[in-house]
Protein backbone atom coordinates (compact mmCIF):
# COMPACT_ATOMS: atom_id res chain seq x y z
CA MET A 1 22.41 -66.46 -64.78
CA SER A 2 20.57 -63.41 -66.09
CA ALA A 3 18.48 -61.09 -63.93
CA ALA A 4 15.41 -62.22 -65.90
CA SER A 5 15.99 -65.87 -65.01
CA ARG A 6 16.72 -65.10 -61.34
CA ALA A 7 13.39 -63.18 -60.85
CA PRO A 8 10.99 -66.16 -61.25
CA ARG A 9 13.15 -68.21 -58.85
CA SER A 10 13.09 -65.40 -56.28
CA ARG A 11 9.33 -65.26 -56.49
CA ARG A 12 9.11 -69.05 -56.00
CA VAL A 13 11.32 -68.84 -52.92
CA LEU A 14 9.25 -65.99 -51.47
CA THR A 15 5.96 -67.85 -52.15
CA ARG A 16 7.38 -70.97 -50.45
CA ARG A 17 8.49 -68.98 -47.40
CA LEU A 18 5.07 -67.35 -47.07
CA SER A 19 3.41 -70.75 -47.37
CA LEU A 20 5.64 -72.21 -44.65
CA THR A 21 4.88 -69.26 -42.39
CA ALA A 22 1.11 -69.75 -42.79
CA SER A 23 1.49 -73.49 -42.22
CA ALA A 24 3.42 -72.86 -39.00
CA ALA A 25 0.70 -70.54 -37.78
CA VAL A 26 -2.01 -73.10 -38.48
CA ALA A 27 0.09 -75.78 -36.69
CA ALA A 28 0.39 -73.52 -33.64
CA LEU A 29 -3.41 -73.11 -33.56
CA LEU A 30 -3.95 -76.83 -33.87
CA LEU A 31 -1.62 -77.52 -30.95
CA THR A 32 -4.09 -75.68 -28.72
CA ALA A 33 -7.12 -77.38 -30.22
CA CYS A 34 -9.79 -78.43 -27.75
CA GLY A 35 -7.67 -77.35 -24.79
CA GLU A 36 -8.79 -75.48 -21.75
CA GLY A 37 -7.35 -72.24 -23.05
CA ASP A 38 -5.31 -69.94 -20.85
CA GLY A 39 -8.02 -68.02 -19.07
CA GLY A 40 -7.68 -65.17 -21.54
CA THR A 41 -4.14 -64.26 -20.50
CA ALA A 42 -2.15 -65.26 -23.59
CA GLN A 43 -0.79 -62.43 -25.67
CA SER A 44 -2.00 -62.23 -29.29
CA GLY A 45 1.34 -61.00 -30.55
CA SER A 46 3.26 -57.90 -29.62
CA GLY A 47 1.37 -54.74 -28.77
CA ALA A 48 -1.68 -56.46 -27.32
CA ASN A 49 -3.44 -54.05 -24.99
CA TYR A 50 -6.25 -55.78 -23.16
CA ILE A 51 -7.49 -56.72 -19.72
CA ALA A 52 -7.82 -60.41 -18.86
CA GLY A 53 -10.39 -61.21 -16.22
CA LYS A 54 -10.43 -64.14 -13.79
CA ASP A 55 -13.51 -65.43 -15.60
CA GLY A 56 -11.38 -66.15 -18.67
CA ILE A 57 -12.71 -63.14 -20.61
CA ALA A 58 -10.27 -60.68 -22.13
CA THR A 59 -11.60 -57.20 -23.09
CA VAL A 60 -10.28 -54.09 -24.79
CA ASP A 61 -11.43 -50.51 -24.09
CA LYS A 62 -13.41 -49.02 -26.98
CA GLY A 63 -10.71 -46.61 -28.10
CA GLU A 64 -7.98 -49.27 -28.15
CA ARG A 65 -9.70 -51.97 -30.23
CA LYS A 66 -8.35 -53.35 -33.51
CA ASP A 67 -10.41 -53.82 -36.66
CA ALA A 68 -11.88 -57.28 -37.17
CA PRO A 69 -10.58 -59.03 -40.26
CA ALA A 70 -12.49 -59.56 -43.49
CA ILE A 71 -14.22 -62.78 -42.46
CA GLY A 72 -16.38 -64.29 -45.13
CA GLY A 73 -16.93 -67.11 -47.59
CA GLU A 74 -18.82 -70.37 -47.91
CA THR A 75 -20.95 -71.61 -45.05
CA LEU A 76 -21.68 -75.22 -44.13
CA ASP A 77 -25.08 -75.06 -45.78
CA GLY A 78 -23.62 -73.80 -49.07
CA ALA A 79 -24.63 -70.18 -48.62
CA THR A 80 -22.24 -67.26 -48.06
CA PHE A 81 -21.45 -65.03 -45.09
CA ASP A 82 -19.66 -61.68 -45.10
CA LEU A 83 -18.88 -59.99 -41.80
CA ALA A 84 -18.94 -56.59 -43.54
CA ASP A 85 -22.68 -57.04 -44.19
CA HIS A 86 -23.32 -56.97 -40.43
CA LYS A 87 -21.61 -53.73 -39.49
CA GLY A 88 -23.84 -51.89 -37.05
CA LYS A 89 -24.58 -55.11 -35.19
CA VAL A 90 -22.70 -56.83 -32.36
CA VAL A 91 -21.23 -60.00 -33.89
CA VAL A 92 -20.26 -63.10 -31.89
CA VAL A 93 -17.72 -65.36 -33.64
CA ASN A 94 -17.32 -68.90 -32.29
CA VAL A 95 -14.52 -71.20 -33.51
CA TRP A 96 -15.48 -74.86 -33.24
CA GLY A 97 -15.10 -78.38 -34.58
CA SER A 98 -17.52 -81.31 -34.50
CA TRP A 99 -14.70 -83.51 -33.09
CA CYS A 100 -14.15 -81.17 -30.10
CA ALA A 101 -15.69 -82.21 -26.75
CA PRO A 102 -15.60 -78.67 -25.20
CA CYS A 103 -17.30 -77.40 -28.38
CA ARG A 104 -20.15 -79.85 -27.77
CA ALA A 105 -20.35 -78.76 -24.14
CA GLU A 106 -20.74 -75.08 -25.00
CA ALA A 107 -23.06 -75.48 -28.01
CA PRO A 108 -26.36 -75.28 -26.06
CA ASN A 109 -25.19 -72.06 -24.40
CA LEU A 110 -24.32 -70.47 -27.74
CA VAL A 111 -27.62 -71.52 -29.27
CA LYS A 112 -29.68 -70.17 -26.35
CA VAL A 113 -27.93 -66.78 -26.15
CA ALA A 114 -28.05 -66.42 -29.92
CA LYS A 115 -31.86 -66.83 -29.83
CA ASP A 116 -32.25 -64.54 -26.82
CA THR A 117 -30.23 -61.69 -28.30
CA ALA A 118 -31.22 -61.84 -31.98
CA ASP A 119 -33.86 -59.10 -31.56
CA GLN A 120 -31.25 -56.88 -29.86
CA GLY A 121 -29.11 -56.68 -32.97
CA VAL A 122 -26.67 -59.50 -32.16
CA GLN A 123 -25.48 -61.78 -34.97
CA PHE A 124 -23.77 -65.08 -34.22
CA VAL A 125 -21.53 -66.83 -36.71
CA GLY A 126 -19.39 -69.92 -36.33
CA ILE A 127 -16.05 -70.82 -37.91
CA ASN A 128 -15.96 -74.58 -38.33
CA THR A 129 -12.41 -75.83 -38.56
CA ARG A 130 -10.46 -79.11 -38.88
CA ASP A 131 -13.50 -81.02 -40.13
CA SER A 132 -12.20 -82.61 -43.33
CA ASN A 133 -15.68 -82.76 -44.81
CA LYS A 134 -18.98 -81.09 -44.00
CA GLY A 135 -20.89 -84.20 -42.94
CA PRO A 136 -19.93 -84.30 -39.22
CA ALA A 137 -20.21 -80.54 -38.89
CA LEU A 138 -23.71 -80.52 -40.39
CA ALA A 139 -24.72 -83.36 -38.06
CA PHE A 140 -23.38 -81.34 -35.12
CA GLU A 141 -25.51 -78.32 -36.15
CA LYS A 142 -28.58 -80.55 -36.48
CA ASP A 143 -28.01 -82.24 -33.11
CA TYR A 144 -27.68 -78.93 -31.27
CA GLU A 145 -30.25 -77.07 -33.40
CA VAL A 146 -27.79 -74.36 -34.34
CA GLY A 147 -29.73 -71.64 -36.11
CA TYR A 148 -26.90 -69.28 -37.07
CA PRO A 149 -24.46 -69.79 -39.97
CA SER A 150 -20.96 -71.25 -39.77
CA LEU A 151 -18.14 -70.63 -42.26
CA TYR A 152 -16.52 -73.81 -43.43
CA ASP A 153 -12.82 -73.37 -42.72
CA PRO A 154 -11.07 -76.78 -42.51
CA GLN A 155 -7.55 -75.34 -42.85
CA GLY A 156 -8.01 -72.42 -40.44
CA LYS A 157 -7.53 -69.68 -43.06
CA GLN A 158 -10.31 -67.49 -41.62
CA ILE A 159 -8.68 -67.65 -38.20
CA LEU A 160 -5.35 -66.51 -39.56
CA ARG A 161 -6.94 -63.31 -40.83
CA PHE A 162 -7.19 -61.89 -37.33
CA PRO A 163 -4.56 -59.12 -36.95
CA ARG A 164 -1.44 -59.54 -34.85
CA GLY A 165 -1.83 -57.98 -31.40
CA SER A 166 -5.61 -58.37 -31.40
CA LEU A 167 -7.89 -60.64 -29.38
CA SER A 168 -7.52 -63.39 -31.96
CA PRO A 169 -9.06 -66.86 -31.49
CA GLN A 170 -5.96 -68.93 -30.59
CA ALA A 171 -7.62 -72.14 -29.41
CA ILE A 172 -10.52 -74.38 -30.28
CA PRO A 173 -13.01 -73.49 -29.00
CA SER A 174 -12.69 -69.71 -28.88
CA THR A 175 -15.34 -66.99 -28.86
CA VAL A 176 -14.80 -63.43 -29.98
CA VAL A 177 -17.19 -60.42 -29.75
CA ILE A 178 -17.01 -57.72 -32.41
CA ASP A 179 -18.59 -54.33 -31.68
CA ARG A 180 -20.98 -52.31 -33.87
CA ASP A 181 -18.02 -50.52 -35.49
CA GLY A 182 -16.45 -53.78 -36.62
CA LYS A 183 -13.75 -53.84 -33.94
CA ILE A 184 -12.70 -56.73 -31.71
CA ALA A 185 -14.00 -56.09 -28.17
CA ALA A 186 -13.76 -59.35 -26.16
CA ARG A 187 -12.53 -62.92 -26.32
CA THR A 188 -12.41 -66.16 -24.40
CA LEU A 189 -10.22 -69.16 -25.20
CA GLN A 190 -12.35 -71.83 -23.58
CA ALA A 191 -15.74 -73.48 -23.71
CA VAL A 192 -18.07 -70.67 -22.80
CA SER A 193 -20.96 -70.72 -20.38
CA GLU A 194 -24.20 -68.81 -20.83
CA LYS A 195 -23.12 -66.46 -18.03
CA GLN A 196 -19.76 -65.77 -19.67
CA LEU A 197 -21.38 -65.16 -23.04
CA ARG A 198 -23.70 -62.57 -21.60
CA ALA A 199 -20.81 -60.98 -19.70
CA MET A 200 -19.02 -60.56 -23.04
CA ILE A 201 -21.98 -59.33 -25.06
CA ASP A 202 -23.98 -57.11 -22.67
CA PRO A 203 -21.29 -54.39 -22.15
CA VAL A 204 -20.78 -54.12 -25.90
CA LEU A 205 -24.52 -53.90 -26.49
CA ALA A 206 -24.72 -51.11 -23.94
CA GLU A 207 -22.15 -48.96 -25.75
CA LYS A 208 -23.38 -45.85 -27.56
């Protein structure tokens, strides 16, 4: 076999291996779907350097934070969202699914805090995952009067963009706070209360 004929086969093998790796990562996420989380103590890969509180909130000191990934794409309502457009704001990212009971439990808290903090420069965005079509997710948003956008991410591709060793969203639901510099500051891997949300957001808002 010539070198020229071996090259395409090598590329096919590499592509297949990368695809299997991504599929395994998605499967790992789905195994933790709609669980209680781990109280913020799970490592996000090697090199994670964060403090996990008893309230289920994990935080990272300002100088130790990792860059948030390039989150963006189509939203449930057919518009687009790009995280890069919101640099200079505190951004709250919530991973959810319409099928998820803890997601329904936390929805009123997210909606209330999103409204209360909008004039303080806080942007909320959801990542809707594992809904095979938009219908149930749109009904969820209508039922809970969700006023902020949600990216439509049925296969979890947006979630996989979070860097290894960061406070990545590893369960459904998860909530992540990104600081004004576009770095990941806090995370919880459970249905979040209003009190927990404010405990995650307020210290980041207070940063200069």
